[in-house]
């Protein structure tokens, strides 16, 4: 996929995400991430789409990849914590929720 097409696909994914069609957004954004795996902002949006469409295992995997590359990504910690909570894994979630609170002062 060329850069123009990749940018267009990303914009399409964002449009579907904003329209709350998270499953379609995730499908599109997964293709963008496959082409540009180092793009953390796209990967984070993909994780959000997975989270909102209750694809929690996939959301968790993407969030862990984000945090491997950027441990200081506060929102990724929060969303990973919330993802783990939705899977009834509260003890695993707590450190991530706390990390977000420390990083953001909230």
N, C-alpha and C. Protein backbone atom coordinates (compact mmCIF):
# COMPACT_ATOMS: atom_id res chain seq x y z
N UNK A 1 0.86 -1.18 0.00
CA UNK A 1 0.00 0.00 0.00
C UNK A 1 0.90 1.24 0.00
N UNK A 2 0.64 2.18 -0.88
CA UNK A 2 1.48 3.38 -0.90
C UNK A 2 1.05 4.34 0.21
N UNK A 3 1.88 5.35 0.45
CA UNK A 3 1.65 6.28 1.56
C UNK A 3 0.32 7.00 1.45
N UNK A 4 -0.04 7.44 0.26
CA UNK A 4 -1.31 8.14 0.07
C UNK A 4 -2.48 7.22 0.42
N UNK A 5 -2.42 6.01 -0.08
CA UNK A 5 -3.49 5.06 0.21
C UNK A 5 -3.54 4.74 1.70
N UNK A 6 -2.38 4.60 2.32
CA UNK A 6 -2.33 4.31 3.75
C UNK A 6 -2.96 5.46 4.55
N UNK A 7 -2.65 6.69 4.18
CA UNK A 7 -3.24 7.85 4.86
C UNK A 7 -4.75 7.89 4.64
N UNK A 8 -5.19 7.55 3.44
CA UNK A 8 -6.63 7.51 3.16
C UNK A 8 -7.31 6.44 3.98
N UNK A 9 -6.69 5.28 4.09
CA UNK A 9 -7.26 4.20 4.90
C UNK A 9 -7.34 4.61 6.37
N UNK A 10 -6.31 5.28 6.85
CA UNK A 10 -6.33 5.77 8.23
C UNK A 10 -7.51 6.72 8.42
N UNK A 11 -7.68 7.66 7.50
CA UNK A 11 -8.80 8.61 7.60
C UNK A 11 -10.14 7.88 7.57
N UNK A 12 -10.25 6.86 6.75
CA UNK A 12 -11.48 6.05 6.71
C UNK A 12 -11.71 5.40 8.07
N UNK A 13 -10.65 4.84 8.64
CA UNK A 13 -10.76 4.21 9.95
C UNK A 13 -11.22 5.18 11.01
N UNK A 14 -10.67 6.39 10.97
CA UNK A 14 -11.07 7.43 11.92
C UNK A 14 -12.54 7.79 11.74
N UNK A 15 -12.98 7.91 10.51
CA UNK A 15 -14.39 8.23 10.25
C UNK A 15 -15.32 7.16 10.83
N UNK A 16 -14.98 5.90 10.62
CA UNK A 16 -15.81 4.83 11.17
C UNK A 16 -15.75 4.83 12.70
N UNK A 17 -14.57 5.12 13.26
CA UNK A 17 -14.44 5.20 14.71
C UNK A 17 -15.33 6.31 15.25
N UNK A 18 -15.26 7.48 14.63
CA UNK A 18 -16.07 8.61 15.07
C UNK A 18 -17.56 8.35 14.91
N UNK A 19 -17.92 7.52 13.94
CA UNK A 19 -19.32 7.15 13.73
C UNK A 19 -19.74 6.02 14.68
N UNK A 20 -18.82 5.59 15.54
CA UNK A 20 -19.05 4.53 16.51
C UNK A 20 -19.29 3.16 15.87
N UNK A 21 -18.78 2.99 14.65
CA UNK A 21 -18.77 1.68 14.00
C UNK A 21 -17.39 1.09 14.27
N UNK A 22 -17.21 0.63 15.50
CA UNK A 22 -15.91 0.23 15.97
C UNK A 22 -15.39 -1.04 15.30
N UNK A 23 -16.26 -1.93 14.93
CA UNK A 23 -15.82 -3.16 14.26
C UNK A 23 -15.22 -2.85 12.90
N UNK A 24 -15.90 -2.02 12.13
CA UNK A 24 -15.37 -1.64 10.82
C UNK A 24 -14.09 -0.81 10.99
N UNK A 25 -14.09 0.10 11.95
CA UNK A 25 -12.89 0.89 12.21
C UNK A 25 -11.71 -0.02 12.54
N UNK A 26 -11.94 -1.02 13.37
CA UNK A 26 -10.87 -1.94 13.76
C UNK A 26 -10.34 -2.70 12.55
N UNK A 27 -11.23 -3.15 11.69
CA UNK A 27 -10.81 -3.89 10.49
C UNK A 27 -9.91 -3.01 9.62
N UNK A 28 -10.32 -1.77 9.41
CA UNK A 28 -9.54 -0.85 8.57
C UNK A 28 -8.21 -0.51 9.25
N UNK A 29 -8.26 -0.17 10.51
CA UNK A 29 -7.05 0.25 11.22
C UNK A 29 -6.06 -0.90 11.38
N UNK A 30 -6.55 -2.12 11.48
CA UNK A 30 -5.64 -3.28 11.56
C UNK A 30 -4.81 -3.38 10.29
N UNK A 31 -5.43 -3.07 9.15
CA UNK A 31 -4.68 -3.06 7.90
C UNK A 31 -3.62 -1.98 7.87
N UNK A 32 -3.95 -0.82 8.42
CA UNK A 32 -2.98 0.28 8.48
C UNK A 32 -1.82 -0.10 9.39
N UNK A 33 -2.13 -0.69 10.54
CA UNK A 33 -1.07 -1.10 11.47
C UNK A 33 -0.19 -2.18 10.84
N UNK A 34 -0.78 -3.08 10.08
CA UNK A 34 0.01 -4.11 9.41
C UNK A 34 1.02 -3.49 8.45
N UNK A 35 0.64 -2.40 7.82
CA UNK A 35 1.53 -1.72 6.89
C UNK A 35 2.53 -0.80 7.59
N UNK A 36 2.17 -0.28 8.74
CA UNK A 36 3.01 0.67 9.47
C UNK A 36 3.00 0.32 10.95
N UNK A 37 3.63 -0.81 11.33
CA UNK A 37 3.53 -1.30 12.71
C UNK A 37 4.16 -0.40 13.77
N UNK A 38 5.01 0.51 13.38
CA UNK A 38 5.65 1.39 14.35
C UNK A 38 4.85 2.64 14.68
N UNK A 39 3.71 2.82 14.02
CA UNK A 39 2.91 4.02 14.24
C UNK A 39 2.04 3.82 15.49
N UNK A 40 2.49 4.37 16.60
CA UNK A 40 1.82 4.14 17.87
C UNK A 40 0.45 4.80 17.96
N UNK A 41 0.27 5.94 17.31
CA UNK A 41 -1.03 6.60 17.40
C UNK A 41 -2.10 5.77 16.68
N UNK A 42 -1.75 5.17 15.56
CA UNK A 42 -2.70 4.30 14.86
C UNK A 42 -2.96 3.05 15.68
N UNK A 43 -1.90 2.49 16.25
CA UNK A 43 -2.06 1.28 17.07
C UNK A 43 -2.94 1.56 18.30
N UNK A 44 -2.78 2.74 18.88
CA UNK A 44 -3.61 3.10 20.04
C UNK A 44 -5.07 3.28 19.63
N UNK A 45 -5.31 3.88 18.49
CA UNK A 45 -6.69 4.01 18.01
C UNK A 45 -7.28 2.64 17.69
N UNK A 46 -6.48 1.75 17.14
CA UNK A 46 -6.93 0.38 16.90
C UNK A 46 -7.31 -0.29 18.22
N UNK A 47 -6.49 -0.12 19.24
CA UNK A 47 -6.79 -0.69 20.56
C UNK A 47 -8.10 -0.14 21.09
N UNK A 48 -8.33 1.15 20.90
CA UNK A 48 -9.59 1.76 21.35
C UNK A 48 -10.78 1.17 20.59
N UNK A 49 -10.62 0.96 19.29
CA UNK A 49 -11.70 0.36 18.50
C UNK A 49 -11.98 -1.06 19.00
N UNK A 50 -10.93 -1.81 19.27
CA UNK A 50 -11.12 -3.16 19.82
C UNK A 50 -11.82 -3.09 21.17
N UNK A 51 -11.40 -2.18 22.03
CA UNK A 51 -12.01 -2.05 23.35
C UNK A 51 -13.50 -1.74 23.23
N UNK A 52 -13.85 -0.77 22.40
CA UNK A 52 -15.25 -0.37 22.27
C UNK A 52 -16.11 -1.43 21.58
N UNK A 53 -15.48 -2.32 20.84
CA UNK A 53 -16.25 -3.39 20.20
C UNK A 53 -16.14 -4.70 20.99
N UNK A 54 -15.68 -4.59 22.22
CA UNK A 54 -15.58 -5.71 23.16
C UNK A 54 -14.67 -6.83 22.66
N UNK A 55 -13.69 -6.49 21.86
CA UNK A 55 -12.65 -7.44 21.45
C UNK A 55 -11.48 -7.23 22.41
N UNK A 56 -11.70 -7.65 23.64
CA UNK A 56 -10.81 -7.27 24.73
C UNK A 56 -9.43 -7.92 24.64
N UNK A 57 -9.36 -9.15 24.18
CA UNK A 57 -8.06 -9.80 24.00
C UNK A 57 -7.21 -9.07 22.99
N UNK A 58 -7.83 -8.66 21.90
CA UNK A 58 -7.10 -7.91 20.88
C UNK A 58 -6.70 -6.53 21.40
N UNK A 59 -7.60 -5.88 22.13
CA UNK A 59 -7.27 -4.58 22.71
C UNK A 59 -6.07 -4.71 23.64
N UNK A 60 -6.10 -5.71 24.48
CA UNK A 60 -4.99 -5.93 25.42
C UNK A 60 -3.68 -6.13 24.67
N UNK A 61 -3.69 -6.94 23.63
CA UNK A 61 -2.47 -7.21 22.88
C UNK A 61 -1.91 -5.93 22.25
N UNK A 62 -2.78 -5.13 21.67
CA UNK A 62 -2.33 -3.88 21.04
C UNK A 62 -1.79 -2.91 22.09
N UNK A 63 -2.46 -2.82 23.21
CA UNK A 63 -2.01 -1.91 24.27
C UNK A 63 -0.67 -2.34 24.84
N UNK A 64 -0.47 -3.62 24.98
CA UNK A 64 0.82 -4.10 25.46
C UNK A 64 1.93 -3.77 24.45
N UNK A 65 1.61 -3.86 23.16
CA UNK A 65 2.60 -3.49 22.13
C UNK A 65 2.92 -1.99 22.22
N UNK A 66 1.90 -1.18 22.42
CA UNK A 66 2.13 0.27 22.57
C UNK A 66 3.06 0.51 23.75
N UNK A 67 2.76 -0.13 24.87
CA UNK A 67 3.55 0.12 26.08
C UNK A 67 4.96 -0.46 25.99
N UNK A 68 5.15 -1.50 25.19
CA UNK A 68 6.50 -2.00 24.95
C UNK A 68 7.34 -0.93 24.25
N UNK A 69 6.73 -0.25 23.30
CA UNK A 69 7.45 0.77 22.52
C UNK A 69 7.49 2.12 23.24
N UNK A 70 6.46 2.42 24.02
CA UNK A 70 6.38 3.73 24.69
C UNK A 70 5.80 3.55 26.10
N UNK A 71 6.65 3.14 27.06
CA UNK A 71 6.17 2.89 28.42
C UNK A 71 5.54 4.10 29.10
N UNK A 72 5.83 5.30 28.62
CA UNK A 72 5.30 6.52 29.23
C UNK A 72 3.98 6.97 28.61
N UNK A 73 3.34 6.13 27.82
CA UNK A 73 2.05 6.48 27.20
C UNK A 73 0.95 6.30 28.24
N UNK A 74 0.60 7.39 28.91
CA UNK A 74 -0.33 7.34 30.05
C UNK A 74 -1.69 6.78 29.65
N UNK A 75 -2.23 7.22 28.52
CA UNK A 75 -3.56 6.76 28.13
C UNK A 75 -3.56 5.25 27.87
N UNK A 76 -2.48 4.72 27.33
CA UNK A 76 -2.40 3.28 27.09
C UNK A 76 -2.46 2.53 28.42
N UNK A 77 -1.84 3.07 29.46
CA UNK A 77 -1.93 2.44 30.78
C UNK A 77 -3.38 2.43 31.27
N UNK A 78 -4.05 3.56 31.14
CA UNK A 78 -5.44 3.64 31.59
C UNK A 78 -6.31 2.65 30.82
N UNK A 79 -6.20 2.65 29.50
CA UNK A 79 -7.04 1.78 28.69
C UNK A 79 -6.72 0.31 28.93
N UNK A 80 -5.45 -0.01 29.13
CA UNK A 80 -5.10 -1.39 29.46
C UNK A 80 -5.72 -1.77 30.80
N UNK A 81 -5.65 -0.87 31.77
CA UNK A 81 -6.28 -1.14 33.06
C UNK A 81 -7.77 -1.39 32.92
N UNK A 82 -8.45 -0.54 32.15
CA UNK A 82 -9.90 -0.71 31.94
C UNK A 82 -10.21 -2.00 31.18
N UNK A 83 -9.36 -2.33 30.22
CA UNK A 83 -9.54 -3.58 29.46
C UNK A 83 -9.42 -4.78 30.37
N UNK A 84 -8.42 -4.77 31.23
CA UNK A 84 -8.24 -5.87 32.17
C UNK A 84 -9.39 -5.93 33.17
N UNK A 85 -9.88 -4.78 33.62
CA UNK A 85 -11.03 -4.77 34.53
C UNK A 85 -12.26 -5.40 33.88
N UNK A 86 -12.48 -5.09 32.61
CA UNK A 86 -13.64 -5.66 31.90
C UNK A 86 -13.52 -7.18 31.75
N UNK A 87 -12.30 -7.68 31.89
CA UNK A 87 -12.08 -9.13 31.82
C UNK A 87 -12.02 -9.75 33.23
N UNK A 88 -12.45 -8.98 34.22
CA UNK A 88 -12.43 -9.41 35.61
C UNK A 88 -11.02 -9.79 36.09
N UNK A 89 -10.05 -8.97 35.69
CA UNK A 89 -8.66 -9.18 36.07
C UNK A 89 -8.17 -7.93 36.81
N UNK A 90 -8.92 -7.61 37.86
CA UNK A 90 -8.68 -6.38 38.61
C UNK A 90 -7.30 -6.25 39.20
N UNK A 91 -6.74 -7.33 39.70
CA UNK A 91 -5.41 -7.24 40.31
C UNK A 91 -4.34 -6.92 39.26
N UNK A 92 -4.54 -7.38 38.03
CA UNK A 92 -3.61 -7.03 36.95
C UNK A 92 -3.85 -5.60 36.46
N UNK A 93 -5.08 -5.14 36.56
CA UNK A 93 -5.44 -3.81 36.08
C UNK A 93 -4.91 -2.71 36.99
N UNK A 94 -4.91 -2.94 38.28
CA UNK A 94 -4.60 -1.90 39.26
C UNK A 94 -3.28 -1.17 39.01
N UNK A 95 -2.18 -1.86 38.73
CA UNK A 95 -0.93 -1.12 38.50
C UNK A 95 -1.01 -0.16 37.30
N UNK A 96 -1.75 -0.54 36.29
CA UNK A 96 -1.86 0.32 35.10
C UNK A 96 -2.74 1.55 35.39
N UNK A 97 -3.81 1.33 36.13
CA UNK A 97 -4.68 2.45 36.50
C UNK A 97 -3.91 3.42 37.41
N UNK A 98 -3.15 2.86 38.34
CA UNK A 98 -2.35 3.69 39.23
C UNK A 98 -1.26 4.45 38.47
N UNK A 99 -0.63 3.76 37.52
CA UNK A 99 0.41 4.41 36.72
C UNK A 99 -0.16 5.61 35.96
N UNK A 100 -1.35 5.42 35.39
CA UNK A 100 -2.00 6.53 34.69
C UNK A 100 -2.24 7.69 35.65
N UNK A 101 -2.73 7.39 36.85
CA UNK A 101 -3.02 8.43 37.83
C UNK A 101 -1.74 9.20 38.21
N UNK A 102 -0.66 8.47 38.40
CA UNK A 102 0.61 9.11 38.75
C UNK A 102 1.11 9.99 37.59
N UNK A 103 0.99 9.47 36.39
CA UNK A 103 1.51 10.18 35.21
C UNK A 103 0.71 11.44 34.90
N UNK A 104 -0.57 11.41 35.19
CA UNK A 104 -1.44 12.54 34.82
C UNK A 104 -1.83 13.39 36.02
N UNK A 105 -1.55 12.93 37.22
CA UNK A 105 -1.92 13.68 38.40
C UNK A 105 -3.42 13.61 38.71
N UNK A 106 -4.07 12.60 38.13
CA UNK A 106 -5.53 12.48 38.39
C UNK A 106 -5.85 11.28 39.24
